[in-house]
Protein backbone atom coordinates (compact mmCIF):
# COMPACT_ATOMS: atom_id res chain seq x y z
CA MET A 1 142.64 192.64 208.70
CA LEU A 2 144.85 192.67 211.77
CA ALA A 3 142.17 193.99 214.08
CA LYS A 4 138.67 195.30 213.99
CA PHE A 5 138.66 199.04 214.38
CA GLU A 6 136.69 201.96 213.06
CA VAL A 7 138.23 205.21 211.87
CA SER A 8 136.21 208.38 211.48
CA PRO A 9 138.70 210.87 210.01
CA ASP A 10 136.07 213.58 209.70
CA ASN A 11 133.81 212.30 212.48
CA ALA A 12 131.06 211.57 209.97
CA GLY A 13 128.23 209.75 211.72
CA LEU A 14 129.44 210.27 215.26
CA GLU A 15 127.02 213.11 215.85
CA ASN A 16 124.15 210.77 214.97
CA HIS A 17 124.76 208.75 218.13
CA THR A 18 122.41 210.78 220.29
CA LEU A 19 122.85 210.60 224.03
CA ILE A 20 119.49 210.48 225.80
CA ALA A 21 120.02 212.05 229.20
CA LYS A 22 116.87 212.78 231.17
CA SER A 23 117.66 210.97 234.43
CA PRO A 24 119.70 212.78 237.11
CA LEU A 25 122.28 209.97 237.05
CA ILE A 26 123.06 210.40 233.36
CA GLN A 27 122.83 214.18 233.56
CA GLU A 28 125.51 214.04 236.23
CA LYS A 29 127.79 211.86 234.09
CA LEU A 30 127.21 214.08 231.07
CA ALA A 31 128.15 217.17 233.06
CA ILE A 32 131.41 215.50 234.07
CA VAL A 33 132.18 214.58 230.46
CA ASN A 34 131.46 218.11 229.25
CA HIS A 35 133.68 219.52 232.01
CA ILE A 36 136.70 217.33 231.26
CA ALA A 37 136.32 217.01 227.49
CA GLY A 38 138.74 219.87 226.92
CA THR A 39 141.55 218.19 228.83
CA ASP A 40 143.98 215.56 227.58
CA SER A 41 143.42 213.19 230.50
CA SER A 42 142.61 209.55 229.90
CA ILE A 43 139.13 208.39 230.83
CA LEU A 44 138.18 204.84 231.76
CA PHE A 45 134.47 204.19 231.17
CA LEU A 46 133.13 201.37 233.34
CA GLY A 47 129.77 199.65 233.39
CA GLU A 48 127.71 196.75 232.19
CA SER A 49 127.49 195.77 228.55
CA GLY A 50 125.04 197.87 226.58
CA THR A 51 124.98 200.91 228.87
CA GLY A 52 126.35 203.26 226.20
CA LYS A 53 130.02 203.61 227.15
CA ASN A 54 130.92 204.05 223.48
CA ILE A 55 128.42 206.91 223.15
CA PHE A 56 130.03 208.68 226.11
CA ALA A 57 133.45 208.18 224.49
CA GLU A 58 132.22 209.72 221.25
CA ARG A 59 130.64 212.60 223.17
CA THR A 60 133.96 213.22 224.93
CA HIS A 61 135.77 213.42 221.59
CA LEU A 62 133.18 215.62 219.88
CA SER A 63 133.15 218.03 222.84
CA SER A 64 136.94 218.39 222.84
CA SER A 65 139.34 220.55 220.86
CA ARG A 66 140.21 217.36 218.93
CA SER A 67 136.74 217.14 217.38
CA GLY A 68 138.19 217.94 213.96
CA LYS A 69 140.70 215.10 214.25
CA PRO A 70 140.05 211.34 213.76
CA PHE A 71 138.19 209.24 216.30
CA ILE A 72 139.39 205.64 216.22
CA ARG A 73 137.40 202.94 218.01
CA ILE A 74 139.22 199.65 218.52
CA ASN A 75 137.15 196.57 219.31
CA CYS A 76 139.66 194.93 221.63
CA ALA A 77 137.81 191.59 221.56
CA ALA A 78 138.91 191.26 217.93
CA VAL A 79 142.52 192.32 218.50
CA SER A 80 145.16 190.01 217.04
CA ALA A 81 148.67 189.51 218.35
CA LYS A 82 149.92 191.75 215.53
CA LEU A 83 147.69 194.68 216.34
CA PHE A 84 150.52 197.04 217.11
CA GLU A 85 152.21 196.43 213.80
CA HIS A 86 149.36 198.39 212.24
CA LYS A 87 149.76 202.15 211.96
CA ILE A 88 146.80 202.86 214.21
CA PHE A 89 148.59 205.53 216.20
CA GLU A 90 149.67 207.26 213.00
CA LEU A 91 146.08 207.15 211.71
CA ALA A 92 144.90 208.89 214.87
CA ASP A 93 146.86 211.98 213.81
CA GLY A 94 146.44 213.92 217.04
CA GLY A 95 142.89 212.73 217.57
CA THR A 96 141.36 210.22 219.96
CA ILE A 97 141.78 206.46 220.27
CA PHE A 98 139.05 204.57 222.11
CA PHE A 99 139.90 201.04 223.30
CA ASP A 100 136.50 199.35 223.68
CA GLY A 101 136.79 196.29 225.93
CA ILE A 102 140.34 197.06 227.01
CA THR A 103 140.63 193.93 229.19
CA GLU A 104 140.29 191.78 226.05
CA ILE A 105 143.78 192.77 224.90
CA PRO A 106 146.15 189.84 225.60
CA LEU A 107 148.28 190.38 228.69
CA ALA A 108 151.43 189.81 226.60
CA ASN A 109 150.53 192.83 224.42
CA GLN A 110 149.66 195.21 227.22
CA THR A 111 153.24 196.28 227.98
CA GLU A 112 153.73 197.21 224.32
CA LEU A 113 150.46 199.13 224.34
CA LEU A 114 151.56 201.06 227.43
CA ARG A 115 154.83 202.00 225.70
CA LEU A 116 153.01 203.22 222.58
CA ILE A 117 150.60 205.31 224.65
CA GLN A 118 153.43 206.90 226.61
CA ASP A 119 155.30 207.69 223.39
CA ARG A 120 152.25 209.37 221.85
CA ALA A 121 151.51 212.23 224.22
CA GLU A 122 149.70 214.12 221.45
CA LEU A 123 146.84 211.58 221.45
CA ARG A 124 143.79 211.38 223.71
CA ILE A 125 143.32 207.86 225.07
CA LEU A 126 139.90 206.60 226.14
CA ALA A 127 139.05 203.06 227.22
CA ALA A 128 136.06 201.04 228.38
CA SER A 129 135.50 197.81 230.26
CA VAL A 130 132.64 195.74 231.64
CA LEU A 131 135.00 194.14 234.15
CA ASP A 132 136.39 195.38 237.45
CA ILE A 133 139.91 196.05 236.16
CA GLU A 134 141.30 196.59 239.66
CA LYS A 135 140.39 192.98 240.47
CA GLN A 136 141.92 191.88 237.17
CA VAL A 137 145.16 193.57 238.22
CA GLU A 138 145.07 191.88 241.62
CA LYS A 139 144.69 188.50 239.92
CA GLY A 140 147.58 189.24 237.57
CA GLU A 141 145.29 189.23 234.53
CA PHE A 142 145.81 192.89 233.62
CA ASN A 143 148.94 195.04 233.54
CA GLY A 144 148.94 197.29 236.62
CA ASP A 145 150.98 200.07 235.01
CA LEU A 146 148.61 200.19 232.03
CA TYR A 147 145.61 200.30 234.36
CA HIS A 148 147.00 203.30 236.27
CA ARG A 149 147.82 205.04 232.99
CA LEU A 150 144.23 204.62 231.77
CA ASN A 151 142.51 205.19 235.11
CA VAL A 152 143.20 208.92 235.42
CA LEU A 153 139.45 209.49 235.56
CA PRO A 154 137.18 206.46 236.03
CA LEU A 155 133.58 207.10 235.01
CA PHE A 156 130.90 204.53 235.85
CA ILE A 157 127.90 204.46 233.51
CA PRO A 158 124.89 203.16 235.49
CA PRO A 159 122.71 200.35 234.11
CA LEU A 160 119.31 201.17 232.65
CA ARG A 161 117.47 199.64 235.64
CA GLN A 162 118.92 202.42 237.82
CA ARG A 163 117.73 205.22 235.52
CA GLN A 164 114.21 204.25 234.55
CA GLU A 165 113.36 207.89 233.73
CA ASP A 166 115.32 207.35 230.51
CA ILE A 167 113.26 204.37 229.33
CA PRO A 168 110.31 206.32 227.81
CA GLU A 169 112.69 208.79 226.17
CA LEU A 170 114.93 206.07 224.77
CA ALA A 171 112.00 203.96 223.59
CA ALA A 172 110.50 206.92 221.73
CA PHE A 173 113.87 207.77 220.18
CA PHE A 174 114.45 204.19 219.01
CA LEU A 175 110.90 203.93 217.69
CA ALA A 176 111.36 207.08 215.61
CA GLY A 177 114.56 205.66 214.13
CA SER A 178 112.96 202.29 213.41
CA MET A 179 109.96 203.91 211.69
CA LYS A 180 112.35 205.86 209.49
CA LYS A 181 114.17 202.66 208.52
CA THR A 182 111.09 200.56 207.86
CA GLY A 183 108.76 203.20 206.46
CA LYS A 184 106.10 202.11 208.96
CA HIS A 185 104.24 204.50 211.25
CA PHE A 186 103.03 204.04 214.82
CA ASP A 187 101.35 206.44 217.22
CA GLY A 188 103.61 205.30 220.05
CA PHE A 189 103.35 202.71 222.81
CA SER A 190 100.24 201.52 224.61
CA ASP A 191 100.05 202.22 228.34
CA GLU A 192 100.42 198.50 229.03
CA ALA A 193 103.54 198.26 226.87
CA MET A 194 105.13 201.22 228.63
CA GLU A 195 104.30 199.77 232.04
CA ALA A 196 105.91 196.50 231.03
CA MET A 197 109.04 198.25 229.81
CA LEU A 198 109.28 200.20 233.06
CA ALA A 199 108.85 197.02 235.10
CA TYR A 200 111.49 195.02 233.23
CA SER A 201 115.08 195.07 234.54
CA TRP A 202 116.76 195.23 231.08
CA PRO A 203 119.85 193.09 231.77
CA GLY A 204 121.10 193.97 228.29
CA ASN A 205 120.60 197.66 229.09
CA VAL A 206 120.12 200.28 226.36
CA ARG A 207 121.24 197.89 223.63
CA GLU A 208 118.55 195.39 224.60
CA LEU A 209 115.88 198.10 224.70
CA LYS A 210 116.93 199.30 221.24
CA ASN A 211 116.76 195.78 219.80
CA SER A 212 113.36 195.16 221.42
CA VAL A 213 111.87 198.34 219.98
CA GLU A 214 113.30 197.62 216.53
CA ARG A 215 111.83 194.11 216.62
CA ALA A 216 108.49 195.47 217.77
CA CYS A 217 108.45 197.93 214.90
CA LEU A 218 108.88 195.05 212.46
CA ILE A 219 106.17 192.77 213.88
CA ALA A 220 103.55 195.21 215.23
CA LYS A 221 100.30 195.42 213.26
CA GLU A 222 98.30 198.02 215.19
CA LYS A 223 98.70 201.78 215.52
CA LEU A 224 100.23 201.40 218.98
CA ILE A 225 103.15 199.19 219.96
CA GLU A 226 101.71 196.62 222.37
CA THR A 227 103.31 194.59 225.17
CA ASP A 228 103.38 191.43 223.04
CA ASP A 229 105.31 193.34 220.37
CA ILE A 230 108.01 194.35 222.83
CA PHE A 231 107.97 191.03 224.69
CA PRO A 232 106.82 188.22 222.35
CA ALA A 233 105.04 185.17 223.77
CA SER A 234 108.36 183.30 224.00
CA PHE A 235 109.80 186.02 226.26
CA PRO A 236 110.10 184.96 229.94
CA MET A 237 107.67 187.53 231.35
CA ALA A 238 107.77 185.87 234.76
CA ALA A 239 111.40 186.91 235.07
CA PHE A 240 110.34 190.47 235.87
CA GLY A 241 106.60 190.56 236.39
CA ARG A 242 104.13 193.13 235.24
CA ALA A 243 103.55 196.55 236.74
CA SER A 244 100.08 196.85 238.21
CA ALA A 245 97.79 199.70 237.31
CA PRO A 246 97.32 202.35 240.01
CA LYS A 247 94.39 201.79 242.35
CA ASP A 248 92.69 204.95 241.12
CA GLY A 249 92.68 203.60 237.57
CA SER A 250 95.13 206.21 236.27
CA ARG A 251 96.91 205.10 233.09
CA ASN A 252 99.21 208.04 232.43
CA LEU A 253 102.96 207.70 232.02
CA LYS A 254 103.82 209.50 235.26
CA ALA A 255 101.72 207.01 237.22
CA ALA A 256 103.47 204.10 235.51
CA GLU A 257 106.88 205.60 236.32
CA ASN A 258 105.92 205.99 239.98
CA ILE A 259 104.82 202.35 240.13
CA PHE A 260 108.22 201.24 238.98
CA ARG A 261 110.12 203.67 241.21
CA THR A 262 108.16 202.59 244.27
CA ARG A 263 108.64 198.87 243.65
CA PHE A 264 112.30 199.18 242.74
CA ILE A 265 113.28 201.46 245.64
CA ARG A 266 111.37 199.33 248.16
CA LYS A 267 113.15 196.20 246.88
CA VAL A 268 116.59 197.83 247.26
CA LEU A 269 115.70 199.08 250.73
CA GLU A 270 114.56 195.60 251.77
CA GLU A 271 117.77 194.06 250.44
CA ASN A 272 119.76 196.54 252.52
CA HIS A 273 117.64 196.13 255.68
CA TRP A 274 116.15 199.61 255.19
CA ASN A 275 119.55 201.26 255.63
CA GLN A 276 119.09 204.39 253.51
CA THR A 277 122.81 205.11 253.24
CA GLU A 278 123.54 201.66 251.80
CA ALA A 279 120.46 201.71 249.59
CA ALA A 280 121.45 205.10 248.16
CA ARG A 281 124.92 203.74 247.37
CA VAL A 282 123.42 200.77 245.51
CA LEU A 283 121.03 203.04 243.62
CA GLY A 284 123.85 205.42 242.74
CA ILE A 285 122.10 208.49 244.16
CA GLN A 286 122.59 210.85 247.10
CA ARG A 287 121.05 209.78 250.42
CA THR A 288 119.14 213.07 250.65
CA TYR A 289 117.61 212.40 247.23
CA LEU A 290 116.61 208.89 248.32
CA SER A 291 114.97 210.28 251.47
CA ARG A 292 112.98 212.70 249.35
CA LEU A 293 111.85 209.92 247.01
CA ILE A 294 110.79 207.75 249.96
CA LYS A 295 108.63 210.61 251.24
CA GLU A 296 107.20 211.52 247.82
CA LEU A 297 106.36 207.91 246.94
CA ASP A 298 105.05 207.15 250.45
CA ILE A 299 107.33 204.16 250.94
CA ASN A 300 106.98 202.89 254.49
CA ASN A 301 109.14 200.45 256.42
CA PRO A 302 106.67 197.70 257.51
CA LYS A 303 108.71 197.11 260.67
CA GLU A 304 108.19 200.63 261.94
């Protein structure tokens, strides 16, 4: 095997990679993908590991006129020096090639890759990276011409901590899949478990949430998934703290979501000296939307 790559000549299985998109941030990205899917432009998906860049790449392919053609995903971290001797571009056959972890391709091979891409105008090229490629170019660690060829449309996929509205939806989706695999049945998550999931920052993003739910499904013994199932005793709970119950005793999901939103937004505002423009930029939302949230959640600047 010269390189690790996956070929889906008839796109079997790609449609099973459901994209959960409840939060405004992801809805916005999805709208962009749907709008540009019909073009031939290259897209560079950027974002932390585990955010779902590969799912967006698949969605782009399946929403395009190339959906009946092969989708080839290349794990660039496993690329050998002889990658381009393989007939990958022939296998694509007018479809889409997705270079996952594009910065992992050795610098010495990047010029050859650029040439192959330019010679194959009939292919759609997608790429993804967890690194700031522009900085890699500045440091001479990534080919500048290849970067500009790939960076026709950069699309940043926000981390899970910036789109907490998706956590309940994703958790329920992963639980349903895990129950199907294991043959076990649960009634859902306890209020405490959901509060804990909403309070946690999920540094591993969607992938970490998926793994946590799958593990919980294996070890849980009650009808509801509990906090200790999601975060076993060995898990560093102090790293993120626990969400407190509302003062009025409410235990519903909306109340838990508001707890998290209030704490998270206040923290970002404090870090940016209560500058709403800067805080909105960090949160990845419009300033007007942030102002509305501040009013709705009754978040007050203690210095005022």
